[in-house]
Structure formats: C-alpha cells, structure tokens
Amino acid sequence: MPPHGERPGEGDVLCQSERGGDVLRYQSKTPDASLKGNIEAISMWAGQSVFKVQKQQAAAEIIDEMLTEADAVSNLSNKSPT
C-alpha cells in the first residue's frame, strides 16, 4: 500500500454527510441515512467477522442455508422429551 499522502485518489470527496460534512476516499466513516453521493466508493469495514468467510456464495444461497439451519433447529426444539 502506498504511504499516506500518496494513495490513488486520496483526498477525493466521495460523499457529503449532513452530520459531518465531506467524506473523503480512505476516510473511516460508517454509512448512515444522511450520506449523499458515491456511497459505494467509501471504505466499508468488514470487521472481525471477515475471518469466518469460508467460500464465496450468492446471497440467495446464503439465505437458503440460513433457512434450512433455522428449520432444523426449530424441528429439534419442537420434539417432545421422551
């Protein structure tokens, strides 16, 4: 990564926020409803959960997996004790 001050597009204004003014490329800014502009181009931090990603999947596939898992858990909890 190039050093601070030499990164491509550094200083470009990507969005404006009603609460905080201009949002620059590489600036740490959590998106909120007040942002106007090129929101897709601002930094989007993945956080600590990114290490849990094991494979690339379509959103529909992820939802299907979640529903299948939820159904399995629901079926387990609906079984009466013996």
PDB file of N, CA and C in Angstrom:
ATOM      1  N   MET A   1       0.846  -1.175   0.000  1.00  0.00           N
ATOM      2  CA  MET A   1       0.000   0.000   0.000  1.00  0.00           C
ATOM      3  C   MET A   1       0.893   1.241   0.000  1.00  0.00           C
ATOM      4  N   PRO A   2       0.565   2.194  -0.844  1.00  0.00           N
ATOM      5  CA  PRO A   2       1.357   3.427  -0.855  1.00  0.00           C
ATOM      6  C   PRO A   2       1.244   4.164   0.479  1.00  0.00           C
ATOM      7  N   PRO A   3       2.244   4.931   0.824  1.00  0.00           N
ATOM      8  CA  PRO A   3       2.194   5.675   2.086  1.00  0.00           C
ATOM      9  C   PRO A   3       1.111   6.745   2.072  1.00  0.00           C
ATOM     10  N   HIS A   4       0.679   7.117   3.271  1.00  0.00           N
ATOM     11  CA  HIS A   4      -0.316   8.170   3.437  1.00  0.00           C
ATOM     12  C   HIS A   4       0.126   9.416   2.668  1.00  0.00           C
ATOM     13  N   GLY A   5      -0.792   9.981   1.925  1.00  0.00           N
ATOM     14  CA  GLY A   5      -0.492  11.152   1.119  1.00  0.00           C
ATOM     15  C   GLY A   5      -0.147  10.820  -0.319  1.00  0.00           C
ATOM     16  N   GLU A   6       0.080   9.519  -0.617  1.00  0.00           N
ATOM     17  CA  GLU A   6       0.444   9.101  -1.970  1.00  0.00           C
ATOM     18  C   GLU A   6      -0.500   8.032  -2.515  1.00  0.00           C
ATOM     19  N   ARG A   7      -1.616   7.798  -1.834  1.00  0.00           N
ATOM     20  CA  ARG A   7      -2.565   6.792  -2.296  1.00  0.00           C
ATOM     21  C   ARG A   7      -3.406   7.353  -3.440  1.00  0.00           C
ATOM     22  N   PRO A   8      -3.773   6.517  -4.420  1.00  0.00           N
ATOM     23  CA  PRO A   8      -4.573   6.988  -5.553  1.00  0.00           C
ATOM     24  C   PRO A   8      -5.903   7.585  -5.096  1.00  0.00           C
ATOM     25  N   GLY A   9      -6.214   8.760  -5.575  1.00  0.00           N
ATOM     26  CA  GLY A   9      -7.492   9.396  -5.261  1.00  0.00           C
ATOM     27  C   GLY A   9      -7.606   9.932  -3.853  1.00  0.00           C
ATOM     28  N   GLU A  10      -6.532   9.892  -3.095  1.00  0.00           N
ATOM     29  CA  GLU A  10      -6.582  10.367  -1.711  1.00  0.00           C
ATOM     30  C   GLU A  10      -7.018  11.827  -1.686  1.00  0.00           C
ATOM     31  N   GLY A  11      -7.982  12.112  -0.856  1.00  0.00           N
ATOM     32  CA  GLY A  11      -8.499  13.477  -0.760  1.00  0.00           C
ATOM     33  C   GLY A  11      -9.726  13.722  -1.617  1.00  0.00           C
ATOM     34  N   ASP A  12     -10.078  12.764  -2.494  1.00  0.00           N
ATOM     35  CA  ASP A  12     -11.291  12.914  -3.298  1.00  0.00           C
ATOM     36  C   ASP A  12     -12.513  12.935  -2.383  1.00  0.00           C
ATOM     37  N   VAL A  13     -13.429  13.857  -2.620  1.00  0.00           N
ATOM     38  CA  VAL A  13     -14.686  13.897  -1.878  1.00  0.00           C
ATOM     39  C   VAL A  13     -15.639  12.917  -2.556  1.00  0.00           C
ATOM     40  N   LEU A  14     -16.059  11.901  -1.811  1.00  0.00           N
ATOM     41  CA  LEU A  14     -16.941  10.877  -2.358  1.00  0.00           C
ATOM     42  C   LEU A  14     -18.393  11.093  -1.981  1.00  0.00           C
ATOM     43  N   CYS A  15     -18.627  11.616  -0.784  1.00  0.00           N
ATOM     44  CA  CYS A  15     -19.981  11.816  -0.271  1.00  0.00           C
ATOM     45  C   CYS A  15     -20.009  13.068   0.590  1.00  0.00           C
ATOM     46  N   GLN A  16     -21.223  13.478   0.879  1.00  0.00           N
ATOM     47  CA  GLN A  16     -21.427  14.526   1.870  1.00  0.00           C
ATOM     48  C   GLN A  16     -22.392  13.988   2.917  1.00  0.00           C
ATOM     49  N   SER A  17     -22.119  14.353   4.156  1.00  0.00           N
ATOM     50  CA  SER A  17     -22.954  13.936   5.279  1.00  0.00           C
ATOM     51  C   SER A  17     -23.542  15.175   5.934  1.00  0.00           C
ATOM     52  N   GLU A  18     -24.831  15.127   6.228  1.00  0.00           N
ATOM     53  CA  GLU A  18     -25.471  16.241   6.923  1.00  0.00           C
ATOM     54  C   GLU A  18     -24.863  16.448   8.305  1.00  0.00           C
ATOM     55  N   ARG A  19     -24.344  15.378   8.870  1.00  0.00           N
ATOM     56  CA  ARG A  19     -23.816  15.436  10.238  1.00  0.00           C
ATOM     57  C   ARG A  19     -22.327  15.743  10.313  1.00  0.00           C
ATOM     58  N   GLY A  20     -21.574  15.397   9.236  1.00  0.00           N
ATOM     59  CA  GLY A  20     -20.132  15.532   9.357  1.00  0.00           C
ATOM     60  C   GLY A  20     -19.424  16.142   8.171  1.00  0.00           C
ATOM     61  N   GLY A  21     -20.156  16.682   7.211  1.00  0.00           N
ATOM     62  CA  GLY A  21     -19.520  17.312   6.067  1.00  0.00           C
ATOM     63  C   GLY A  21     -19.026  16.316   5.035  1.00  0.00           C
ATOM     64  N   ASP A  22     -17.926  16.674   4.364  1.00  0.00           N
ATOM     65  CA  ASP A  22     -17.379  15.841   3.293  1.00  0.00           C
ATOM     66  C   ASP A  22     -16.804  14.529   3.818  1.00  0.00           C
ATOM     67  N   VAL A  23     -17.020  13.463   3.039  1.00  0.00           N
ATOM     68  CA  VAL A  23     -16.429  12.161   3.325  1.00  0.00           C
ATOM     69  C   VAL A  23     -15.410  11.898   2.213  1.00  0.00           C
ATOM     70  N   LEU A  24     -14.161  11.740   2.605  1.00  0.00           N
ATOM     71  CA  LEU A  24     -13.066  11.577   1.650  1.00  0.00           C
ATOM     72  C   LEU A  24     -12.735  10.110   1.407  1.00  0.00           C
ATOM     73  N   ARG A  25     -12.152   9.838   0.242  1.00  0.00           N
ATOM     74  CA  ARG A  25     -11.681   8.486  -0.050  1.00  0.00           C
ATOM     75  C   ARG A  25     -10.699   8.060   1.052  1.00  0.00           C
ATOM     76  N   TYR A  26     -10.795   6.823   1.507  1.00  0.00           N
ATOM     77  CA  TYR A  26      -9.974   6.213   2.569  1.00  0.00           C
ATOM     78  C   TYR A  26     -10.356   6.677   3.975  1.00  0.00           C
ATOM     79  N   GLN A  27     -11.289   7.598   4.108  1.00  0.00           N
ATOM     80  CA  GLN A  27     -11.706   8.065   5.431  1.00  0.00           C
ATOM     81  C   GLN A  27     -12.562   6.996   6.093  1.00  0.00           C
ATOM     82  N   SER A  28     -12.396   6.823   7.374  1.00  0.00           N
ATOM     83  CA  SER A  28     -13.222   5.896   8.140  1.00  0.00           C
ATOM     84  C   SER A  28     -14.550   6.582   8.450  1.00  0.00           C
ATOM     85  N   LYS A  29     -15.617   6.102   7.828  1.00  0.00           N
ATOM     86  CA  LYS A  29     -16.949   6.683   8.018  1.00  0.00           C
ATOM     87  C   LYS A  29     -17.975   5.580   7.916  1.00  0.00           C
ATOM     88  N   THR A  30     -18.764   5.422   8.957  1.00  0.00           N
ATOM     89  CA  THR A  30     -19.845   4.448   8.921  1.00  0.00           C
ATOM     90  C   THR A  30     -21.002   5.052   8.133  1.00  0.00           C
ATOM     91  N   PRO A  31     -21.461   4.371   7.068  1.00  0.00           N
ATOM     92  CA  PRO A  31     -22.559   4.914   6.272  1.00  0.00           C
ATOM     93  C   PRO A  31     -23.823   5.066   7.103  1.00  0.00           C
ATOM     94  N   ASP A  32     -24.543   6.143   6.867  1.00  0.00           N
ATOM     95  CA  ASP A  32     -25.837   6.339   7.508  1.00  0.00           C
ATOM     96  C   ASP A  32     -26.785   6.991   6.507  1.00  0.00           C
ATOM     97  N   ALA A  33     -28.026   7.185   6.907  1.00  0.00           N
ATOM     98  CA  ALA A  33     -29.054   7.697   6.002  1.00  0.00           C
ATOM     99  C   ALA A  33     -28.786   9.121   5.532  1.00  0.00           C
ATOM    100  N   SER A  34     -27.919   9.851   6.204  1.00  0.00           N
ATOM    101  CA  SER A  34     -27.662  11.239   5.818  1.00  0.00           C
ATOM    102  C   SER A  34     -26.646  11.376   4.687  1.00  0.00           C
ATOM    103  N   LEU A  35     -25.979  10.280   4.305  1.00  0.00           N
ATOM    104  CA  LEU A  35     -24.956  10.358   3.250  1.00  0.00           C
ATOM    105  C   LEU A  35     -25.586  10.564   1.882  1.00  0.00           C
ATOM    106  N   LYS A  36     -24.982  11.436   1.113  1.00  0.00           N
ATOM    107  CA  LYS A  36     -25.387  11.679  -0.274  1.00  0.00           C
ATOM    108  C   LYS A  36     -24.132  11.626  -1.130  1.00  0.00           C
ATOM    109  N   GLY A  37     -24.204  10.935  -2.267  1.00  0.00           N
ATOM    110  CA  GLY A  37     -23.055  10.856  -3.159  1.00  0.00           C
ATOM    111  C   GLY A  37     -22.720   9.426  -3.519  1.00  0.00           C
ATOM    112  N   ASN A  38     -21.447   9.160  -3.760  1.00  0.00           N
ATOM    113  CA  ASN A  38     -20.963   7.857  -4.201  1.00  0.00           C
ATOM    114  C   ASN A  38     -20.701   6.950  -2.991  1.00  0.00           C
ATOM    115  N   ILE A  39     -21.747   6.509  -2.348  1.00  0.00           N
ATOM    116  CA  ILE A  39     -21.649   5.737  -1.105  1.00  0.00           C
ATOM    117  C   ILE A  39     -20.903   4.422  -1.327  1.00  0.00           C
ATOM    118  N   GLU A  40     -21.085   3.795  -2.497  1.00  0.00           N
ATOM    119  CA  GLU A  40     -20.428   2.521  -2.782  1.00  0.00           C
ATOM    120  C   GLU A  40     -18.908   2.634  -2.803  1.00  0.00           C
ATOM    121  N   ALA A  41     -18.387   3.844  -2.997  1.00  0.00           N
ATOM    122  CA  ALA A  41     -16.936   4.022  -3.114  1.00  0.00           C
ATOM    123  C   ALA A  41     -16.241   4.288  -1.789  1.00  0.00           C
ATOM    124  N   ILE A  42     -17.003   4.525  -0.709  1.00  0.00           N
ATOM    125  CA  ILE A  42     -16.339   4.802   0.571  1.00  0.00           C
ATOM    126  C   ILE A  42     -15.879   3.500   1.211  1.00  0.00           C
ATOM    127  N   SER A  43     -15.004   3.608   2.175  1.00  0.00           N
ATOM    128  CA  SER A  43     -14.490   2.432   2.875  1.00  0.00           C
ATOM    129  C   SER A  43     -15.621   1.730   3.608  1.00  0.00           C
ATOM    130  N   MET A  44     -15.709   0.429   3.404  1.00  0.00           N
ATOM    131  CA  MET A  44     -16.696  -0.393   4.102  1.00  0.00           C
ATOM    132  C   MET A  44     -15.917  -1.433   4.897  1.00  0.00           C
ATOM    133  N   TRP A  45     -15.834  -1.248   6.183  1.00  0.00           N
ATOM    134  CA  TRP A  45     -15.025  -2.119   7.032  1.00  0.00           C
ATOM    135  C   TRP A  45     -15.765  -3.409   7.310  1.00  0.00           C
ATOM    136  N   ALA A  46     -15.095  -4.536   7.121  1.00  0.00           N
ATOM    137  CA  ALA A  46     -15.706  -5.848   7.314  1.00  0.00           C
ATOM    138  C   ALA A  46     -15.719  -6.255   8.782  1.00  0.00           C
ATOM    139  N   GLY A  47     -14.816  -5.748   9.570  1.00  0.00           N
ATOM    140  CA  GLY A  47     -14.781  -6.096  10.976  1.00  0.00           C
ATOM    141  C   GLY A  47     -14.168  -7.458  11.236  1.00  0.00           C
ATOM    142  N   GLN A  48     -14.315  -7.914  12.455  1.00  0.00           N
ATOM    143  CA  GLN A  48     -13.678  -9.156  12.878  1.00  0.00           C
ATOM    144  C   GLN A  48     -14.337 -10.388  12.280  1.00  0.00           C
ATOM    145  N   SER A  49     -15.561 -10.268  11.803  1.00  0.00           N
ATOM    146  CA  SER A  49     -16.266 -11.443  11.293  1.00  0.00           C
ATOM    147  C   SER A  49     -15.750 -11.916   9.943  1.00  0.00           C
ATOM    148  N   VAL A  50     -14.948 -11.116   9.265  1.00  0.00           N
ATOM    149  CA  VAL A  50     -14.492 -11.495   7.932  1.00  0.00           C
ATOM    150  C   VAL A  50     -13.697 -12.803   7.947  1.00  0.00           C
ATOM    151  N   PHE A  51     -13.051 -13.136   9.048  1.00  0.00           N
ATOM    152  CA  PHE A  51     -12.283 -14.388   9.108  1.00  0.00           C
ATOM    153  C   PHE A  51     -13.187 -15.610   9.042  1.00  0.00           C
ATOM    154  N   LYS A  52     -14.478 -15.453   9.287  1.00  0.00           N
ATOM    155  CA  LYS A  52     -15.420 -16.574   9.251  1.00  0.00           C
ATOM    156  C   LYS A  52     -15.836 -16.942   7.830  1.00  0.00           C
ATOM    157  N   VAL A  53     -15.543 -16.096   6.851  1.00  0.00           N
ATOM    158  CA  VAL A  53     -15.913 -16.389   5.469  1.00  0.00           C
ATOM    159  C   VAL A  53     -15.087 -17.563   4.975  1.00  0.00           C
ATOM    160  N   GLN A  54     -15.776 -18.596   4.504  1.00  0.00           N
ATOM    161  CA  GLN A  54     -15.103 -19.806   4.059  1.00  0.00           C
ATOM    162  C   GLN A  54     -15.180 -19.996   2.554  1.00  0.00           C
ATOM    163  N   LYS A  55     -16.201 -19.392   1.915  1.00  0.00           N
ATOM    164  CA  LYS A  55     -16.351 -19.525   0.471  1.00  0.00           C
ATOM    165  C   LYS A  55     -17.198 -18.371  -0.056  1.00  0.00           C
ATOM    166  N   GLN A  56     -17.092 -18.124  -1.352  1.00  0.00           N
ATOM    167  CA  GLN A  56     -17.882 -17.084  -1.994  1.00  0.00           C
ATOM    168  C   GLN A  56     -19.220 -17.691  -2.386  1.00  0.00           C
ATOM    169  N   GLN A  57     -20.316 -17.008  -2.010  1.00  0.00           N
ATOM    170  CA  GLN A  57     -21.653 -17.520  -2.296  1.00  0.00           C
ATOM    171  C   GLN A  57     -22.568 -16.385  -2.738  1.00  0.00           C
ATOM    172  N   ALA A  58     -23.563 -16.741  -3.513  1.00  0.00           N
ATOM    173  CA  ALA A  58     -24.618 -15.792  -3.863  1.00  0.00           C
ATOM    174  C   ALA A  58     -25.484 -15.557  -2.627  1.00  0.00           C
ATOM    175  N   ALA A  59     -26.065 -14.383  -2.536  1.00  0.00           N
ATOM    176  CA  ALA A  59     -26.904 -14.052  -1.384  1.00  0.00           C
ATOM    177  C   ALA A  59     -28.056 -15.052  -1.230  1.00  0.00           C
ATOM    178  N   ALA A  60     -28.669 -15.451  -2.343  1.00  0.00           N
ATOM    179  CA  ALA A  60     -29.783 -16.397  -2.283  1.00  0.00           C
ATOM    180  C   ALA A  60     -29.350 -17.730  -1.677  1.00  0.00           C
ATOM    181  N   GLU A  61     -28.144 -18.166  -1.989  1.00  0.00           N
ATOM    182  CA  GLU A  61     -27.621 -19.420  -1.438  1.00  0.00           C
ATOM    183  C   GLU A  61     -27.422 -19.301   0.079  1.00  0.00           C
ATOM    184  N   ILE A  62     -26.932 -18.170   0.517  1.00  0.00           N
ATOM    185  CA  ILE A  62     -26.727 -17.943   1.957  1.00  0.00           C
ATOM    186  C   ILE A  62     -28.070 -17.945   2.684  1.00  0.00           C
ATOM    187  N   ILE A  63     -29.066 -17.284   2.114  1.00  0.00           N
ATOM    188  CA  ILE A  63     -30.401 -17.254   2.728  1.00  0.00           C
ATOM    189  C   ILE A  63     -30.985 -18.653   2.799  1.00  0.00           C
ATOM    190  N   ASP A  64     -30.848 -19.423   1.708  1.00  0.00           N
ATOM    191  CA  ASP A  64     -31.346 -20.808   1.719  1.00  0.00           C
ATOM    192  C   ASP A  64     -30.690 -21.625   2.832  1.00  0.00           C
ATOM    193  N   GLU A  65     -29.377 -21.484   2.988  1.00  0.00           N
ATOM    194  CA  GLU A  65     -28.674 -22.198   4.064  1.00  0.00           C
ATOM    195  C   GLU A  65     -29.189 -21.778   5.433  1.00  0.00           C
ATOM    196  N   MET A  66     -29.375 -20.485   5.620  1.00  0.00           N
ATOM    197  CA  MET A  66     -29.856 -19.989   6.917  1.00  0.00           C
ATOM    198  C   MET A  66     -31.253 -20.532   7.234  1.00  0.00           C
ATOM    199  N   LEU A  67     -32.133 -20.547   6.226  1.00  0.00           N
ATOM    200  CA  LEU A  67     -33.489 -21.061   6.441  1.00  0.00           C
ATOM    201  C   LEU A  67     -33.482 -22.559   6.730  1.00  0.00           C
ATOM    202  N   THR A  68     -32.635 -23.300   6.039  1.00  0.00           N
ATOM    203  CA  THR A  68     -32.516 -24.741   6.287  1.00  0.00           C
ATOM    204  C   THR A  68     -32.030 -24.999   7.710  1.00  0.00           C
ATOM    205  N   GLU A  69     -31.006 -24.251   8.134  1.00  0.00           N
ATOM    206  CA  GLU A  69     -30.486 -24.406   9.500  1.00  0.00           C
ATOM    207  C   GLU A  69     -31.534 -24.013  10.541  1.00  0.00           C
ATOM    208  N   ALA A  70     -32.262 -22.928  10.290  1.00  0.00           N
ATOM    209  CA  ALA A  70     -33.292 -22.491  11.232  1.00  0.00           C
ATOM    210  C   ALA A  70     -34.411 -23.526  11.335  1.00  0.00           C
ATOM    211  N   ASP A  71     -34.775 -24.114  10.199  1.00  0.00           N
ATOM    212  CA  ASP A  71     -35.803 -25.153  10.190  1.00  0.00           C
ATOM    213  C   ASP A  71     -35.346 -26.367  10.989  1.00  0.00           C
ATOM    214  N   ALA A  72     -34.082 -26.744  10.834  1.00  0.00           N
ATOM    215  CA  ALA A  72     -33.545 -27.896  11.568  1.00  0.00           C
ATOM    216  C   ALA A  72     -33.564 -27.630  13.070  1.00  0.00           C
ATOM    217  N   VAL A  73     -33.186 -26.424  13.486  1.00  0.00           N
ATOM    218  CA  VAL A  73     -33.195 -26.081  14.909  1.00  0.00           C
ATOM    219  C   VAL A  73     -34.631 -26.059  15.438  1.00  0.00           C
ATOM    220  N   SER A  74     -35.541 -25.520  14.641  1.00  0.00           N
ATOM    221  CA  SER A  74     -36.944 -25.464  15.038  1.00  0.00           C
ATOM    222  C   SER A  74     -37.508 -26.866  15.213  1.00  0.00           C
ATOM    223  N   ASN A  75     -37.165 -27.783  14.299  1.00  0.00           N
ATOM    224  CA  ASN A  75     -37.633 -29.160  14.406  1.00  0.00           C
ATOM    225  C   ASN A  75     -37.097 -29.844  15.648  1.00  0.00           C
ATOM    226  N   LEU A  76     -35.861 -29.554  16.017  1.00  0.00           N
ATOM    227  CA  LEU A  76     -35.268 -30.130  17.241  1.00  0.00           C
ATOM    228  C   LEU A  76     -35.992 -29.625  18.470  1.00  0.00           C
ATOM    229  N   SER A  77     -36.317 -28.337  18.492  1.00  0.00           N
ATOM    230  CA  SER A  77     -36.944 -27.771  19.688  1.00  0.00           C
ATOM    231  C   SER A  77     -38.404 -28.150  19.795  1.00  0.00           C
ATOM    232  N   ASN A  78     -39.032 -28.588  18.697  1.00  0.00           N
ATOM    233  CA  ASN A  78     -40.446 -28.977  18.728  1.00  0.00           C
ATOM    234  C   ASN A  78     -40.642 -30.435  19.119  1.00  0.00           C
ATOM    235  N   LYS A  79     -39.566 -31.212  19.179  1.00  0.00           N
ATOM    236  CA  LYS A  79     -39.696 -32.618  19.580  1.00  0.00           C
ATOM    237  C   LYS A  79     -39.980 -32.689  21.074  1.00  0.00           C
ATOM    238  N   SER A  80     -40.924 -33.521  21.438  1.00  0.00           N
ATOM    239  CA  SER A  80     -41.255 -33.652  22.856  1.00  0.00           C
ATOM    240  C   SER A  80     -40.240 -34.566  23.540  1.00  0.00           C
ATOM    241  N   PRO A  81     -39.894 -34.258  24.783  1.00  0.00           N
ATOM    242  CA  PRO A  81     -38.933 -35.093  25.513  1.00  0.00           C
ATOM    243  C   PRO A  81     -39.506 -36.490  25.763  1.00  0.00           C
ATOM    244  N   THR A  82     -38.633 -37.477  25.771  1.00  0.00           N
ATOM    245  CA  THR A  82     -39.098 -38.852  25.969  1.00  0.00           C
ATOM    246  C   THR A  82     -38.965 -39.273  27.419  1.00  0.00           C
TER     247      THR A  82
END
